[in-house]
Amino acid sequence: MQALSIRPEFAMEILVGEKTEEYRTWKTHHRGDLLICNSARKKKGTVAGYALCVAKITDIEERQDENGTYYAWKIAPFEAGGSYWIEPIKVKGQLKLFNVDDNLIHPAPFKNIDSVEADKWWNEKIEPLIY
């Protein structure tokens, strides 16, 4: 699967569904599943060095601001057929898009991240990894 390494605080915002766009200075033709890998940079309240979710990229919009051109990568919601949580996997990040073996990626056993099952899973799988 194609993967993208990003700062842990932004990856955590994606994981909980707060961040619905990822901003880059470059575009890609990639659409669909994208493994989100938290960079190794430790920041309080985040998980460093792990992949925790797959974001489904639905579109990329070119935008302009006072600093020039940037690209908004649109992320599908965490629901059936959209983005989803995965069993945490240790990943060494890289620049740009990179590949991670599909056999390492195992979806969490639920679809709704606002469920009792998701809360229990978070406490067992994610909470122990938070710095």
Protein backbone atom coordinates (compact mmCIF):
# COMPACT_ATOMS: atom_id res chain seq x y z
CA MET A 1 0.00 0.00 0.00
CA GLN A 2 1.14 3.53 -0.65
CA ALA A 3 2.06 5.34 2.58
CA LEU A 4 2.69 8.89 3.73
CA SER A 5 4.65 9.92 6.81
CA ILE A 6 3.32 12.99 8.63
CA ARG A 7 3.86 14.70 11.97
CA PRO A 8 2.20 12.78 14.82
CA GLU A 9 -0.08 15.64 15.89
CA PHE A 10 -1.59 15.86 12.41
CA ALA A 11 -1.81 12.08 12.08
CA MET A 12 -3.72 11.94 15.37
CA GLU A 13 -6.16 14.58 14.06
CA ILE A 14 -6.73 12.41 10.98
CA LEU A 15 -7.15 9.32 13.17
CA VAL A 16 -9.97 10.87 15.22
CA GLY A 17 -11.68 12.35 12.14
CA GLU A 18 -10.95 16.03 12.93
CA LYS A 19 -8.59 16.61 9.99
CA THR A 20 -10.31 15.96 6.65
CA GLU A 21 -7.60 17.42 4.41
CA GLU A 22 -3.84 16.90 4.33
CA TYR A 23 -1.88 19.78 2.84
CA ARG A 24 1.17 19.26 0.65
CA THR A 25 3.26 21.43 -1.67
CA TRP A 26 3.15 18.62 -4.25
CA LYS A 27 0.39 16.63 -5.87
CA THR A 28 0.02 12.99 -6.76
CA HIS A 29 -2.14 10.94 -9.08
CA HIS A 30 -2.78 8.52 -6.20
CA ARG A 31 -6.39 8.18 -5.11
CA GLY A 32 -7.82 5.60 -2.73
CA ASP A 33 -6.25 3.97 0.32
CA LEU A 34 -3.20 5.70 1.79
CA LEU A 35 -1.50 4.41 4.93
CA ILE A 36 -0.92 7.28 7.36
CA CYS A 37 2.36 6.86 9.24
CA ASN A 38 3.17 8.96 12.28
CA SER A 39 6.73 10.26 12.04
CA ALA A 40 9.16 9.34 14.83
CA ARG A 41 9.09 12.86 16.28
CA LYS A 42 7.78 12.54 19.85
CA LYS A 43 5.16 15.01 20.95
CA LYS A 44 3.13 14.76 24.14
CA GLY A 45 -0.31 13.24 23.57
CA THR A 46 0.59 11.56 20.27
CA VAL A 47 1.89 8.25 18.96
CA ALA A 48 5.29 8.37 17.23
CA GLY A 49 6.65 5.88 14.69
CA TYR A 50 3.48 3.88 14.01
CA ALA A 51 0.84 3.60 11.32
CA LEU A 52 -2.62 3.69 12.90
CA CYS A 53 -5.05 4.28 10.04
CA VAL A 54 -5.70 4.18 6.33
CA ALA A 55 -7.05 7.41 4.87
CA LYS A 56 -9.01 7.11 1.66
CA ILE A 57 -7.92 9.98 -0.59
CA THR A 58 -10.93 10.99 -2.67
CA ASP A 59 -9.58 14.05 -4.49
CA ILE A 60 -6.77 16.58 -4.54
CA GLU A 61 -7.51 20.29 -4.99
CA GLU A 62 -4.96 22.85 -6.12
CA ARG A 63 -5.13 26.02 -4.04
CA GLN A 64 -3.34 29.35 -3.84
CA ASP A 65 -2.46 31.58 -0.91
CA GLU A 66 0.06 34.33 -0.18
CA ASN A 67 2.84 31.70 -0.05
CA GLY A 68 2.03 30.18 -3.45
CA THR A 69 0.43 26.96 -4.64
CA TYR A 70 -0.42 24.05 -2.35
CA TYR A 71 -2.57 20.93 -2.62
CA ALA A 72 -5.41 19.80 -0.34
CA TRP A 73 -5.66 16.00 -0.24
CA LYS A 74 -9.30 15.20 0.62
CA ILE A 75 -9.80 12.40 3.18
CA ALA A 76 -13.00 10.32 3.24
CA PRO A 77 -14.79 9.98 6.62
CA PHE A 78 -14.14 7.03 8.93
CA GLU A 79 -17.13 4.88 8.00
CA ALA A 80 -17.89 1.77 5.94
CA GLY A 81 -16.23 2.16 2.54
CA GLY A 82 -14.15 5.13 3.68
CA SER A 83 -11.09 5.67 5.85
CA TYR A 84 -10.43 3.11 8.59
CA TRP A 85 -8.35 2.34 11.66
CA ILE A 86 -5.81 -0.47 11.59
CA GLU A 87 -3.90 -2.59 14.09
CA PRO A 88 -0.86 -0.42 14.96
CA ILE A 89 2.27 -1.27 13.01
CA LYS A 90 5.76 0.08 13.59
CA VAL A 91 6.81 1.96 10.46
CA LYS A 92 9.95 3.94 9.64
CA GLY A 93 8.75 6.96 7.72
CA GLN A 94 10.18 8.29 4.49
CA LEU A 95 9.85 11.39 2.37
CA LYS A 96 7.19 11.48 -0.35
CA LEU A 97 4.97 8.43 -0.95
CA PHE A 98 6.47 5.03 -0.14
CA ASN A 99 5.27 1.43 -0.07
CA VAL A 100 4.38 -0.74 2.93
CA ASP A 101 3.65 -4.45 2.50
CA ASP A 102 -0.14 -5.02 2.38
CA ASN A 103 0.29 -8.15 4.53
CA LEU A 104 1.23 -5.93 7.50
CA ILE A 105 -2.03 -3.95 7.37
CA HIS A 106 -4.98 -5.35 9.33
CA PRO A 107 -8.17 -3.29 9.71
CA ALA A 108 -9.61 -2.78 13.18
CA PRO A 109 -12.62 -5.05 13.87
CA PHE A 110 -15.28 -2.31 13.56
CA LYS A 111 -16.40 0.35 11.07
CA ASN A 112 -17.75 3.11 13.34
CA ILE A 113 -15.03 5.00 15.25
CA ASP A 114 -17.73 6.46 17.52
CA SER A 115 -18.75 3.09 18.95
CA VAL A 116 -18.25 1.23 22.22
CA GLU A 117 -16.07 -1.28 20.33
CA ALA A 118 -13.86 1.55 19.05
CA ASP A 119 -13.48 3.01 22.56
CA LYS A 120 -12.45 -0.36 23.96
CA TRP A 121 -10.04 -0.96 21.06
CA TRP A 122 -8.51 2.54 21.51
CA ASN A 123 -7.89 1.88 25.20
CA GLU A 124 -6.23 -1.47 24.45
CA LYS A 125 -4.27 -0.65 21.27
CA ILE A 126 -3.66 3.11 21.01
CA GLU A 127 -3.57 4.42 24.56
CA PRO A 128 -0.46 2.38 25.54
CA LEU A 129 1.44 3.91 22.58
CA ILE A 130 0.68 7.56 23.42
CA TYR A 131 3.76 9.52 24.48
